[in-house]
Amino acid sequence: MANKIHVKKDDNVIVISGKDKGNKGKVIKAMPETGRVYVEGVNMTKKHMKARNQNAQSGIIDREGSIDASNVMLICPKCGKATKVAKKVNDDGSKDRICKECGAVIDTVKKASKGE
C-alpha cells in the first residue's frame, strides 16, 4: 500500500464514487498506512454499544465508516471546485499543496528541523 494520500485531516472533500457519491464533508481522520479516510456524514454505519459502567447508556449509535482515499477529491478553498493536488518544494525546504484548477496555494508544510 502507498504511504501517501492526497488529503489530510480537516480538508473539505467531495465523494466521487460509491453509494455516497456527490456528498461533501470534512475529513475527520486520515490513515495513510491503509489509504483510507473518515469523512463527516459519509458511509454511516450502526454500532451496537454496550454500557461500560452504570452511568453510561447502551444502545445503537451511528458513526462514520472509512472509505478509500481514492474515492474523494479535495475541494479548493479558493475556487470551490473539486481538484487534484500538485506539490511544490520551496527554496527553504517547505512544501506547498497547490490547486491544479486555479493555481492557488492550499497550504504549506514546514520542513522539520533536524537535531532539535
PDB file of N, CA and C in Angstrom:
ATOM      1  N   MET A   1       0.827  -1.193   0.000  1.00  0.00           N
ATOM      2  CA  MET A   1       0.000   0.000   0.000  1.00  0.00           C
ATOM      3  C   MET A   1       0.869   1.254   0.000  1.00  0.00           C
ATOM      4  N   ALA A   2       0.314   2.276  -0.575  1.00  0.00           N
ATOM      5  CA  ALA A   2       1.036   3.549  -0.596  1.00  0.00           C
ATOM      6  C   ALA A   2       0.933   4.210   0.769  1.00  0.00           C
ATOM      7  N   ASN A   3       2.004   4.873   1.184  1.00  0.00           N
ATOM      8  CA  ASN A   3       2.005   5.538   2.472  1.00  0.00           C
ATOM      9  C   ASN A   3       1.686   7.014   2.356  1.00  0.00           C
ATOM     10  N   LYS A   4       1.302   7.484   1.174  1.00  0.00           N
ATOM     11  CA  LYS A   4       0.958   8.885   0.998  1.00  0.00           C
ATOM     12  C   LYS A   4      -0.431   8.979   0.389  1.00  0.00           C
ATOM     13  N   ILE A   5      -1.224   9.887   0.917  1.00  0.00           N
ATOM     14  CA  ILE A   5      -2.531  10.163   0.336  1.00  0.00           C
ATOM     15  C   ILE A   5      -2.638  11.661   0.092  1.00  0.00           C
ATOM     16  N   HIS A   6      -3.525  12.056  -0.788  1.00  0.00           N
ATOM     17  CA  HIS A   6      -3.601  13.442  -1.232  1.00  0.00           C
ATOM     18  C   HIS A   6      -4.443  14.338  -0.338  1.00  0.00           C
ATOM     19  N   VAL A   7      -5.098  13.782   0.662  1.00  0.00           N
ATOM     20  CA  VAL A   7      -5.899  14.591   1.584  1.00  0.00           C
ATOM     21  C   VAL A   7      -5.387  14.380   2.999  1.00  0.00           C
ATOM     22  N   LYS A   8      -5.704  15.318   3.877  1.00  0.00           N
ATOM     23  CA  LYS A   8      -5.331  15.171   5.278  1.00  0.00           C
ATOM     24  C   LYS A   8      -6.466  15.684   6.153  1.00  0.00           C
ATOM     25  N   LYS A   9      -6.310  15.560   7.446  1.00  0.00           N
ATOM     26  CA  LYS A   9      -7.351  15.926   8.394  1.00  0.00           C
ATOM     27  C   LYS A   9      -7.764  17.384   8.211  1.00  0.00           C
ATOM     28  N   ASP A  10      -9.054  17.655   8.335  1.00  0.00           N
ATOM     29  CA  ASP A  10      -9.682  18.975   8.230  1.00  0.00           C
ATOM     30  C   ASP A  10      -9.779  19.506   6.797  1.00  0.00           C
ATOM     31  N   ASP A  11      -9.445  18.704   5.778  1.00  0.00           N
ATOM     32  CA  ASP A  11      -9.681  19.107   4.387  1.00  0.00           C
ATOM     33  C   ASP A  11     -11.152  18.930   4.062  1.00  0.00           C
ATOM     34  N   ASN A  12     -11.701  19.818   3.234  1.00  0.00           N
ATOM     35  CA  ASN A  12     -13.049  19.639   2.720  1.00  0.00           C
ATOM     36  C   ASN A  12     -12.953  18.849   1.431  1.00  0.00           C
ATOM     37  N   VAL A  13     -13.758  17.768   1.333  1.00  0.00           N
ATOM     38  CA  VAL A  13     -13.682  16.873   0.185  1.00  0.00           C
ATOM     39  C   VAL A  13     -15.073  16.575  -0.351  1.00  0.00           C
ATOM     40  N   ILE A  14     -15.108  16.054  -1.578  1.00  0.00           N
ATOM     41  CA  ILE A  14     -16.341  15.566  -2.179  1.00  0.00           C
ATOM     42  C   ILE A  14     -16.115  14.105  -2.564  1.00  0.00           C
ATOM     43  N   VAL A  15     -17.137  13.273  -2.341  1.00  0.00           N
ATOM     44  CA  VAL A  15     -17.042  11.850  -2.672  1.00  0.00           C
ATOM     45  C   VAL A  15     -17.344  11.705  -4.162  1.00  0.00           C
ATOM     46  N   ILE A  16     -16.453  11.015  -4.905  1.00  0.00           N
ATOM     47  CA  ILE A  16     -16.614  10.915  -6.355  1.00  0.00           C
ATOM     48  C   ILE A  16     -17.107   9.550  -6.826  1.00  0.00           C
ATOM     49  N   SER A  17     -17.180   8.560  -5.923  1.00  0.00           N
ATOM     50  CA  SER A  17     -17.723   7.265  -6.317  1.00  0.00           C
ATOM     51  C   SER A  17     -18.259   6.540  -5.092  1.00  0.00           C
ATOM     52  N   GLY A  18     -19.128   5.577  -5.348  1.00  0.00           N
ATOM     53  CA  GLY A  18     -19.709   4.791  -4.261  1.00  0.00           C
ATOM     54  C   GLY A  18     -21.122   5.233  -3.947  1.00  0.00           C
ATOM     55  N   LYS A  19     -21.680   4.677  -2.890  1.00  0.00           N
ATOM     56  CA  LYS A  19     -23.077   4.960  -2.546  1.00  0.00           C
ATOM     57  C   LYS A  19     -23.296   6.390  -2.075  1.00  0.00           C
ATOM     58  N   ASP A  20     -22.252   7.053  -1.593  1.00  0.00           N
ATOM     59  CA  ASP A  20     -22.372   8.432  -1.120  1.00  0.00           C
ATOM     60  C   ASP A  20     -21.836   9.441  -2.140  1.00  0.00           C
ATOM     61  N   LYS A  21     -21.825   9.088  -3.420  1.00  0.00           N
ATOM     62  CA  LYS A  21     -21.291   9.947  -4.469  1.00  0.00           C
ATOM     63  C   LYS A  21     -21.986  11.309  -4.454  1.00  0.00           C
ATOM     64  N   GLY A  22     -21.182  12.372  -4.486  1.00  0.00           N
ATOM     65  CA  GLY A  22     -21.715  13.727  -4.506  1.00  0.00           C
ATOM     66  C   GLY A  22     -21.783  14.387  -3.140  1.00  0.00           C
ATOM     67  N   ASN A  23     -21.639  13.615  -2.071  1.00  0.00           N
ATOM     68  CA  ASN A  23     -21.688  14.187  -0.728  1.00  0.00           C
ATOM     69  C   ASN A  23     -20.392  14.931  -0.419  1.00  0.00           C
ATOM     70  N   LYS A  24     -20.529  16.043   0.297  1.00  0.00           N
ATOM     71  CA  LYS A  24     -19.365  16.819   0.707  1.00  0.00           C
ATOM     72  C   LYS A  24     -19.220  16.721   2.216  1.00  0.00           C
ATOM     73  N   GLY A  25     -18.000  16.829   2.681  1.00  0.00           N
ATOM     74  CA  GLY A  25     -17.761  16.777   4.113  1.00  0.00           C
ATOM     75  C   GLY A  25     -16.311  17.062   4.429  1.00  0.00           C
ATOM     76  N   LYS A  26     -16.053  17.115   5.736  1.00  0.00           N
ATOM     77  CA  LYS A  26     -14.703  17.384   6.220  1.00  0.00           C
ATOM     78  C   LYS A  26     -14.058  16.068   6.626  1.00  0.00           C
ATOM     79  N   VAL A  27     -12.757  15.927   6.341  1.00  0.00           N
ATOM     80  CA  VAL A  27     -12.034  14.719   6.717  1.00  0.00           C
ATOM     81  C   VAL A  27     -11.824  14.734   8.229  1.00  0.00           C
ATOM     82  N   ILE A  28     -12.362  13.724   8.906  1.00  0.00           N
ATOM     83  CA  ILE A  28     -12.237  13.608  10.359  1.00  0.00           C
ATOM     84  C   ILE A  28     -10.909  12.960  10.724  1.00  0.00           C
ATOM     85  N   LYS A  29     -10.545  11.935   9.948  1.00  0.00           N
ATOM     86  CA  LYS A  29      -9.340  11.167  10.248  1.00  0.00           C
ATOM     87  C   LYS A  29      -8.787  10.620   8.939  1.00  0.00           C
ATOM     88  N   ALA A  30      -7.474  10.707   8.772  1.00  0.00           N
ATOM     89  CA  ALA A  30      -6.819  10.149   7.596  1.00  0.00           C
ATOM     90  C   ALA A  30      -5.821   9.096   8.050  1.00  0.00           C
ATOM     91  N   MET A  31      -5.824   7.963   7.376  1.00  0.00           N
ATOM     92  CA  MET A  31      -4.918   6.866   7.717  1.00  0.00           C
ATOM     93  C   MET A  31      -4.063   6.518   6.504  1.00  0.00           C
ATOM     94  N   PRO A  32      -2.904   7.172   6.345  1.00  0.00           N
ATOM     95  CA  PRO A  32      -2.065   6.935   5.169  1.00  0.00           C
ATOM     96  C   PRO A  32      -1.543   5.502   5.059  1.00  0.00           C
ATOM     97  N   GLU A  33      -1.348   4.837   6.195  1.00  0.00           N
ATOM     98  CA  GLU A  33      -0.811   3.479   6.142  1.00  0.00           C
ATOM     99  C   GLU A  33      -1.771   2.498   5.482  1.00  0.00           C
ATOM    100  N   THR A  34      -3.089   2.752   5.558  1.00  0.00           N
ATOM    101  CA  THR A  34      -4.071   1.888   4.905  1.00  0.00           C
ATOM    102  C   THR A  34      -4.698   2.547   3.688  1.00  0.00           C
ATOM    103  N   GLY A  35      -4.459   3.846   3.490  1.00  0.00           N
ATOM    104  CA  GLY A  35      -5.014   4.554   2.344  1.00  0.00           C
ATOM    105  C   GLY A  35      -6.500   4.849   2.477  1.00  0.00           C
ATOM    106  N   ARG A  36      -6.971   5.009   3.714  1.00  0.00           N
ATOM    107  CA  ARG A  36      -8.398   5.247   3.947  1.00  0.00           C
ATOM    108  C   ARG A  36      -8.608   6.529   4.736  1.00  0.00           C
ATOM    109  N   VAL A  37      -9.809   7.104   4.592  1.00  0.00           N
ATOM    110  CA  VAL A  37     -10.160   8.332   5.302  1.00  0.00           C
ATOM    111  C   VAL A  37     -11.570   8.205   5.877  1.00  0.00           C
ATOM    112  N   TYR A  38     -11.818   8.942   6.948  1.00  0.00           N
ATOM    113  CA  TYR A  38     -13.151   9.071   7.529  1.00  0.00           C
ATOM    114  C   TYR A  38     -13.655  10.466   7.186  1.00  0.00           C
ATOM    115  N   VAL A  39     -14.824  10.555   6.550  1.00  0.00           N
ATOM    116  CA  VAL A  39     -15.390  11.831   6.135  1.00  0.00           C
ATOM    117  C   VAL A  39     -16.697  12.050   6.888  1.00  0.00           C
ATOM    118  N   GLU A  40     -16.876  13.262   7.384  1.00  0.00           N
ATOM    119  CA  GLU A  40     -18.039  13.637   8.177  1.00  0.00           C
ATOM    120  C   GLU A  40     -19.334  13.393   7.396  1.00  0.00           C
ATOM    121  N   GLY A  41     -20.226  12.548   7.930  1.00  0.00           N
ATOM    122  CA  GLY A  41     -21.531  12.302   7.327  1.00  0.00           C
ATOM    123  C   GLY A  41     -21.530  11.339   6.151  1.00  0.00           C
ATOM    124  N   VAL A  42     -20.425  10.649   5.888  1.00  0.00           N
ATOM    125  CA  VAL A  42     -20.318   9.742   4.746  1.00  0.00           C
ATOM    126  C   VAL A  42     -20.082   8.321   5.248  1.00  0.00           C
ATOM    127  N   ASN A  43     -20.713   7.345   4.588  1.00  0.00           N
ATOM    128  CA  ASN A  43     -20.586   5.927   4.913  1.00  0.00           C
ATOM    129  C   ASN A  43     -20.974   5.660   6.373  1.00  0.00           C
ATOM    130  N   MET A  44     -22.157   6.112   6.745  1.00  0.00           N
ATOM    131  CA  MET A  44     -22.637   5.955   8.112  1.00  0.00           C
ATOM    132  C   MET A  44     -22.965   4.488   8.392  1.00  0.00           C
ATOM    133  N   THR A  45     -22.499   3.994   9.538  1.00  0.00           N
ATOM    134  CA  THR A  45     -22.735   2.621   9.951  1.00  0.00           C
ATOM    135  C   THR A  45     -23.342   2.618  11.352  1.00  0.00           C
ATOM    136  N   LYS A  46     -23.996   1.521  11.694  1.00  0.00           N
ATOM    137  CA  LYS A  46     -24.579   1.364  13.026  1.00  0.00           C
ATOM    138  C   LYS A  46     -23.598   0.601  13.904  1.00  0.00           C
ATOM    139  N   LYS A  47     -23.427   1.056  15.132  1.00  0.00           N
ATOM    140  CA  LYS A  47     -22.540   0.403  16.087  1.00  0.00           C
ATOM    141  C   LYS A  47     -23.346   0.102  17.340  1.00  0.00           C
ATOM    142  N   HIS A  48     -23.361  -1.155  17.748  1.00  0.00           N
ATOM    143  CA  HIS A  48     -24.069  -1.562  18.961  1.00  0.00           C
ATOM    144  C   HIS A  48     -23.122  -1.383  20.136  1.00  0.00           C
ATOM    145  N   MET A  49     -23.450  -0.458  21.031  1.00  0.00           N
ATOM    146  CA  MET A  49     -22.583  -0.144  22.163  1.00  0.00           C
ATOM    147  C   MET A  49     -23.164  -0.722  23.447  1.00  0.00           C
ATOM    148  N   LYS A  50     -22.314  -1.382  24.201  1.00  0.00           N
ATOM    149  CA  LYS A  50     -22.696  -1.912  25.496  1.00  0.00           C
ATOM    150  C   LYS A  50     -22.248  -0.918  26.563  1.00  0.00           C
ATOM    151  N   ALA A  51     -23.049  -0.712  27.579  1.00  0.00           N
ATOM    152  CA  ALA A  51     -22.700   0.206  28.668  1.00  0.00           C
ATOM    153  C   ALA A  51     -21.478  -0.325  29.409  1.00  0.00           C
ATOM    154  N   ARG A  52     -20.470   0.504  29.560  1.00  0.00           N
ATOM    155  CA  ARG A  52     -19.230   0.068  30.206  1.00  0.00           C
ATOM    156  C   ARG A  52     -19.241   0.334  31.717  1.00  0.00           C
ATOM    157  N   ASN A  53     -20.117   1.230  32.165  1.00  0.00           N
ATOM    158  CA  ASN A  53     -20.290   1.455  33.598  1.00  0.00           C
ATOM    159  C   ASN A  53     -21.754   1.785  33.863  1.00  0.00           C
ATOM    160  N   GLN A  54     -22.117   2.027  35.119  1.00  0.00           N
ATOM    161  CA  GLN A  54     -23.527   2.235  35.453  1.00  0.00           C
ATOM    162  C   GLN A  54     -24.093   3.521  34.869  1.00  0.00           C
ATOM    163  N   ASN A  55     -23.264   4.535  34.726  1.00  0.00           N
ATOM    164  CA  ASN A  55     -23.752   5.823  34.243  1.00  0.00           C
ATOM    165  C   ASN A  55     -23.853   5.879  32.718  1.00  0.00           C
ATOM    166  N   ALA A  56     -23.116   5.052  32.027  1.00  0.00           N
ATOM    167  CA  ALA A  56     -23.143   5.061  30.561  1.00  0.00           C
ATOM    168  C   ALA A  56     -24.405   4.358  30.065  1.00  0.00           C
ATOM    169  N   GLN A  57     -24.882   4.804  28.903  1.00  0.00           N
ATOM    170  CA  GLN A  57     -26.085   4.219  28.337  1.00  0.00           C
ATOM    171  C   GLN A  57     -25.715   3.352  27.139  1.00  0.00           C
ATOM    172  N   SER A  58     -26.333   2.178  27.071  1.00  0.00           N
ATOM    173  CA  SER A  58     -26.097   1.311  25.930  1.00  0.00           C
ATOM    174  C   SER A  58     -27.086   1.668  24.829  1.00  0.00           C
ATOM    175  N   GLY A  59     -26.816   1.208  23.626  1.00  0.00           N
ATOM    176  CA  GLY A  59     -27.722   1.484  22.525  1.00  0.00           C
ATOM    177  C   GLY A  59     -27.027   1.346  21.180  1.00  0.00           C
ATOM    178  N   ILE A  60     -27.739   1.760  20.148  1.00  0.00           N
ATOM    179  CA  ILE A  60     -27.209   1.697  18.788  1.00  0.00           C
ATOM    180  C   ILE A  60     -26.884   3.124  18.364  1.00  0.00           C
ATOM    181  N   ILE A  61     -25.632   3.338  17.963  1.00  0.00           N
ATOM    182  CA  ILE A  61     -25.233   4.686  17.558  1.00  0.00           C
ATOM    183  C   ILE A  61     -24.818   4.666  16.084  1.00  0.00           C
ATOM    184  N   ASP A  62     -24.963   5.804  15.414  1.00  0.00           N
ATOM    185  CA  ASP A  62     -24.492   5.969  14.043  1.00  0.00           C
ATOM    186  C   ASP A  62     -23.118   6.607  14.086  1.00  0.00           C
ATOM    187  N   ARG A  63     -22.209   6.077  13.266  1.00  0.00           N
ATOM    188  CA  ARG A  63     -20.902   6.701  13.174  1.00  0.00           C
ATOM    189  C   ARG A  63     -20.351   6.503  11.762  1.00  0.00           C
ATOM    190  N   GLU A  64     -19.352   7.303  11.432  1.00  0.00           N
ATOM    191  CA  GLU A  64     -18.770   7.264  10.099  1.00  0.00           C
ATOM    192  C   GLU A  64     -17.889   6.031   9.939  1.00  0.00           C
ATOM    193  N   GLY A  65     -17.961   5.435   8.774  1.00  0.00           N
ATOM    194  CA  GLY A  65     -17.064   4.352   8.416  1.00  0.00           C
ATOM    195  C   GLY A  65     -16.000   4.892   7.473  1.00  0.00           C
ATOM    196  N   SER A  66     -14.935   4.138   7.295  1.00  0.00           N
ATOM    197  CA  SER A  66     -13.854   4.612   6.433  1.00  0.00           C
ATOM    198  C   SER A  66     -14.185   4.349   4.976  1.00  0.00           C
ATOM    199  N   ILE A  67     -13.642   5.184   4.091  1.00  0.00           N
ATOM    200  CA  ILE A  67     -13.732   4.965   2.656  1.00  0.00           C
ATOM    201  C   ILE A  67     -12.330   5.121   2.081  1.00  0.00           C
ATOM    202  N   ASP A  68     -12.113   4.573   0.909  1.00  0.00           N
ATOM    203  CA  ASP A  68     -10.796   4.656   0.301  1.00  0.00           C
ATOM    204  C   ASP A  68     -10.499   6.095  -0.109  1.00  0.00           C
ATOM    205  N   ALA A  69      -9.262   6.507   0.081  1.00  0.00           N
ATOM    206  CA  ALA A  69      -8.863   7.884  -0.219  1.00  0.00           C
ATOM    207  C   ALA A  69      -8.988   8.202  -1.699  1.00  0.00           C
ATOM    208  N   SER A  70      -8.939   7.180  -2.564  1.00  0.00           N
ATOM    209  CA  SER A  70      -9.071   7.421  -3.998  1.00  0.00           C
ATOM    210  C   SER A  70     -10.494   7.784  -4.390  1.00  0.00           C
ATOM    211  N   ASN A  71     -11.458   7.595  -3.495  1.00  0.00           N
ATOM    212  CA  ASN A  71     -12.853   7.912  -3.789  1.00  0.00           C
ATOM    213  C   ASN A  71     -13.244   9.325  -3.379  1.00  0.00           C
ATOM    214  N   VAL A  72     -12.293  10.144  -2.939  1.00  0.00           N
ATOM    215  CA  VAL A  72     -12.584  11.529  -2.580  1.00  0.00           C
ATOM    216  C   VAL A  72     -11.656  12.477  -3.335  1.00  0.00           C
ATOM    217  N   MET A  73     -12.163  13.687  -3.593  1.00  0.00           N
ATOM    218  CA  MET A  73     -11.353  14.740  -4.202  1.00  0.00           C
ATOM    219  C   MET A  73     -11.400  15.958  -3.304  1.00  0.00           C
ATOM    220  N   LEU A  74     -10.275  16.624  -3.206  1.00  0.00           N
ATOM    221  CA  LEU A  74     -10.160  17.826  -2.400  1.00  0.00           C
ATOM    222  C   LEU A  74     -10.945  18.963  -3.037  1.00  0.00           C
ATOM    223  N   ILE A  75     -11.631  19.769  -2.220  1.00  0.00           N
ATOM    224  CA  ILE A  75     -12.309  20.966  -2.696  1.00  0.00           C
ATOM    225  C   ILE A  75     -11.412  22.153  -2.383  1.00  0.00           C
ATOM    226  N   CYS A  76     -11.045  22.899  -3.419  1.00  0.00           N
ATOM    227  CA  CYS A  76     -10.160  24.049  -3.247  1.00  0.00           C
ATOM    228  C   CYS A  76     -10.876  25.132  -2.454  1.00  0.00           C
ATOM    229  N   PRO A  77     -10.249  25.669  -1.391  1.00  0.00           N
ATOM    230  CA  PRO A  77     -10.903  26.727  -0.616  1.00  0.00           C
ATOM    231  C   PRO A  77     -11.017  28.043  -1.379  1.00  0.00           C
ATOM    232  N   LYS A  78     -10.204  28.250  -2.412  1.00  0.00           N
ATOM    233  CA  LYS A  78     -10.240  29.498  -3.174  1.00  0.00           C
ATOM    234  C   LYS A  78     -11.317  29.477  -4.257  1.00  0.00           C
ATOM    235  N   CYS A  79     -11.252  28.464  -5.144  1.00  0.00           N
ATOM    236  CA  CYS A  79     -12.184  28.440  -6.279  1.00  0.00           C
ATOM    237  C   CYS A  79     -13.435  27.597  -6.019  1.00  0.00           C
ATOM    238  N   GLY A  80     -13.406  26.744  -4.990  1.00  0.00           N
ATOM    239  CA  GLY A  80     -14.570  25.944  -4.629  1.00  0.00           C
ATOM    240  C   GLY A  80     -14.818  24.748  -5.524  1.00  0.00           C
ATOM    241  N   LYS A  81     -13.868  24.392  -6.391  1.00  0.00           N
ATOM    242  CA  LYS A  81     -14.032  23.256  -7.291  1.00  0.00           C
ATOM    243  C   LYS A  81     -13.277  22.040  -6.753  1.00  0.00           C
ATOM    244  N   ALA A  82     -13.739  20.855  -7.162  1.00  0.00           N
ATOM    245  CA  ALA A  82     -13.007  19.629  -6.844  1.00  0.00           C
ATOM    246  C   ALA A  82     -11.746  19.620  -7.696  1.00  0.00           C
ATOM    247  N   THR A  83     -10.620  19.329  -7.085  1.00  0.00           N
ATOM    248  CA  THR A  83      -9.355  19.473  -7.785  1.00  0.00           C
ATOM    249  C   THR A  83      -8.364  18.395  -7.402  1.00  0.00           C
ATOM    250  N   LYS A  84      -7.396  18.180  -8.291  1.00  0.00           N
ATOM    251  CA  LYS A  84      -6.240  17.367  -7.954  1.00  0.00           C
ATOM    252  C   LYS A  84      -5.254  18.266  -7.230  1.00  0.00           C
ATOM    253  N   VAL A  85      -4.286  17.650  -6.563  1.00  0.00           N
ATOM    254  CA  VAL A  85      -3.333  18.411  -5.772  1.00  0.00           C
ATOM    255  C   VAL A  85      -1.944  18.268  -6.379  1.00  0.00           C
ATOM    256  N   ALA A  86      -1.289  19.404  -6.607  1.00  0.00           N
ATOM    257  CA  ALA A  86       0.099  19.411  -7.032  1.00  0.00           C
ATOM    258  C   ALA A  86       0.946  19.778  -5.827  1.00  0.00           C
ATOM    259  N   LYS A  87       2.197  19.334  -5.829  1.00  0.00           N
ATOM    260  CA  LYS A  87       3.088  19.661  -4.720  1.00  0.00           C
ATOM    261  C   LYS A  87       4.305  20.375  -5.262  1.00  0.00           C
ATOM    262  N   LYS A  88       4.748  21.398  -4.538  1.00  0.00           N
ATOM    263  CA  LYS A  88       5.906  22.186  -4.956  1.00  0.00           C
ATOM    264  C   LYS A  88       6.810  22.369  -3.746  1.00  0.00           C
ATOM    265  N   VAL A  89       8.102  22.105  -3.929  1.00  0.00           N
ATOM    266  CA  VAL A  89       9.074  22.289  -2.854  1.00  0.00           C
ATOM    267  C   VAL A  89       9.693  23.677  -3.015  1.00  0.00           C
ATOM    268  N   ASN A  90       9.647  24.472  -1.962  1.00  0.00           N
ATOM    269  CA  ASN A  90      10.204  25.821  -1.977  1.00  0.00           C
ATOM    270  C   ASN A  90      11.696  25.797  -1.667  1.00  0.00           C
ATOM    271  N   ASP A  91      12.348  26.951  -1.813  1.00  0.00           N
ATOM    272  CA  ASP A  91      13.783  27.051  -1.571  1.00  0.00           C
ATOM    273  C   ASP A  91      14.150  26.767  -0.116  1.00  0.00           C
ATOM    274  N   ASP A  92      13.271  27.144   0.826  1.00  0.00           N
ATOM    275  CA  ASP A  92      13.574  26.947   2.246  1.00  0.00           C
ATOM    276  C   ASP A  92      13.272  25.525   2.723  1.00  0.00           C
ATOM    277  N   GLY A  93      12.810  24.651   1.815  1.00  0.00           N
ATOM    278  CA  GLY A  93      12.554  23.258   2.171  1.00  0.00           C
ATOM    279  C   GLY A  93      11.104  22.964   2.520  1.00  0.00           C
ATOM    280  N   SER A  94      10.256  23.979   2.590  1.00  0.00           N
ATOM    281  CA  SER A  94       8.848  23.749   2.885  1.00  0.00           C
ATOM    282  C   SER A  94       8.128  23.300   1.610  1.00  0.00           C
ATOM    283  N   LYS A  95       6.991  22.621   1.794  1.00  0.00           N
ATOM    284  CA  LYS A  95       6.220  22.121   0.660  1.00  0.00           C
ATOM    285  C   LYS A  95       4.873  22.829   0.605  1.00  0.00           C
ATOM    286  N   ASP A  96       4.446  23.166  -0.610  1.00  0.00           N
ATOM    287  CA  ASP A  96       3.129  23.753  -0.837  1.00  0.00           C
ATOM    288  C   ASP A  96       2.234  22.727  -1.507  1.00  0.00           C
ATOM    289  N   ARG A  97       0.966  22.695  -1.101  1.00  0.00           N
ATOM    290  CA  ARG A  97      -0.032  21.934  -1.848  1.00  0.00           C
ATOM    291  C   ARG A  97      -0.771  22.952  -2.708  1.00  0.00           C
ATOM    292  N   ILE A  98      -0.844  22.699  -4.011  1.00  0.00           N
ATOM    293  CA  ILE A  98      -1.361  23.678  -4.957  1.00  0.00           C
ATOM    294  C   ILE A  98      -2.563  23.096  -5.697  1.00  0.00           C
ATOM    295  N   CYS A  99      -3.596  23.931  -5.882  1.00  0.00           N
ATOM    296  CA  CYS A  99      -4.793  23.564  -6.638  1.00  0.00           C
ATOM    297  C   CYS A  99      -4.435  23.531  -8.120  1.00  0.00           C
ATOM    298  N   LYS A 100      -4.736  22.428  -8.814  1.00  0.00           N
ATOM    299  CA  LYS A 100      -4.438  22.335 -10.240  1.00  0.00           C
ATOM    300  C   LYS A 100      -5.463  23.074 -11.085  1.00  0.00           C
ATOM    301  N   GLU A 101      -6.619  23.440 -10.514  1.00  0.00           N
ATOM    302  CA  GLU A 101      -7.640  24.183 -11.255  1.00  0.00           C
ATOM    303  C   GLU A 101      -7.276  25.662 -11.367  1.00  0.00           C
ATOM    304  N   CYS A 102      -7.003  26.299 -10.206  1.00  0.00           N
ATOM    305  CA  CYS A 102      -6.780  27.748 -10.212  1.00  0.00           C
ATOM    306  C   CYS A 102      -5.346  28.146  -9.884  1.00  0.00           C
ATOM    307  N   GLY A 103      -4.519  27.218  -9.438  1.00  0.00           N
ATOM    308  CA  GLY A 103      -3.123  27.511  -9.136  1.00  0.00           C
ATOM    309  C   GLY A 103      -2.882  28.125  -7.775  1.00  0.00           C
ATOM    310  N   ALA A 104      -3.910  28.207  -6.936  1.00  0.00           N
ATOM    311  CA  ALA A 104      -3.769  28.804  -5.605  1.00  0.00           C
ATOM    312  C   ALA A 104      -3.086  27.832  -4.648  1.00  0.00           C
ATOM    313  N   VAL A 105      -2.353  28.375  -3.682  1.00  0.00           N
ATOM    314  CA  VAL A 105      -1.701  27.564  -2.659  1.00  0.00           C
ATOM    315  C   VAL A 105      -2.748  27.183  -1.614  1.00  0.00           C
ATOM    316  N   ILE A 106      -2.930  25.893  -1.400  1.00  0.00           N
ATOM    317  CA  ILE A 106      -3.918  25.417  -0.427  1.00  0.00           C
ATOM    318  C   ILE A 106      -3.348  25.512   0.980  1.00  0.00           C
ATOM    319  N   ASP A 107      -2.161  24.964   1.186  1.00  0.00           N
ATOM    320  CA  ASP A 107      -1.483  25.104   2.465  1.00  0.00           C
ATOM    321  C   ASP A 107      -0.003  24.802   2.296  1.00  0.00           C
ATOM    322  N   THR A 108       0.768  25.123   3.341  1.00  0.00           N
ATOM    323  CA  THR A 108       2.209  24.934   3.323  1.00  0.00           C
ATOM    324  C   THR A 108       2.604  24.082   4.517  1.00  0.00           C
ATOM    325  N   VAL A 109       3.473  23.102   4.265  1.00  0.00           N
ATOM    326  CA  VAL A 109       4.007  22.263   5.329  1.00  0.00           C
ATOM    327  C   VAL A 109       5.452  22.655   5.539  1.00  0.00           C
ATOM    328  N   LYS A 110       5.783  23.043   6.753  1.00  0.00           N
ATOM    329  CA  LYS A 110       7.144  23.457   7.082  1.00  0.00           C
ATOM    330  C   LYS A 110       8.056  22.252   7.144  1.00  0.00           C
ATOM    331  N   LYS A 111       9.308  22.436   6.783  1.00  0.00           N
ATOM    332  CA  LYS A 111      10.297  21.375   6.843  1.00  0.00           C
ATOM    333  C   LYS A 111      10.673  21.131   8.307  1.00  0.00           C
ATOM    334  N   ALA A 112      10.758  19.860   8.678  1.00  0.00           N
ATOM    335  CA  ALA A 112      11.129  19.506  10.036  1.00  0.00           C
ATOM    336  C   ALA A 112      12.609  19.819  10.246  1.00  0.00           C
ATOM    337  N   SER A 113      12.912  20.452  11.362  1.00  0.00           N
ATOM    338  CA  SER A 113      14.323  20.777  11.659  1.00  0.00           C
ATOM    339  C   SER A 113      15.002  19.551  12.253  1.00  0.00           C
ATOM    340  N   LYS A 114      16.264  19.309  11.866  1.00  0.00           N
ATOM    341  CA  LYS A 114      16.995  18.151  12.338  1.00  0.00           C
ATOM    342  C   LYS A 114      17.787  18.489  13.596  1.00  0.00           C
ATOM    343  N   GLY A 115      17.807  17.582  14.549  1.00  0.00           N
ATOM    344  CA  GLY A 115      18.617  17.720  15.739  1.00  0.00           C
ATOM    345  C   GLY A 115      18.036  18.603  16.823  1.00  0.00           C
ATOM    346  N   GLU A 116      16.828  19.061  16.662  1.00  0.00           N
ATOM    347  CA  GLU A 116      16.239  19.919  17.713  1.00  0.00           C
ATOM    348  C   GLU A 116      15.048  19.263  18.319  1.00  0.00           C
TER     349      GLU A 116
END
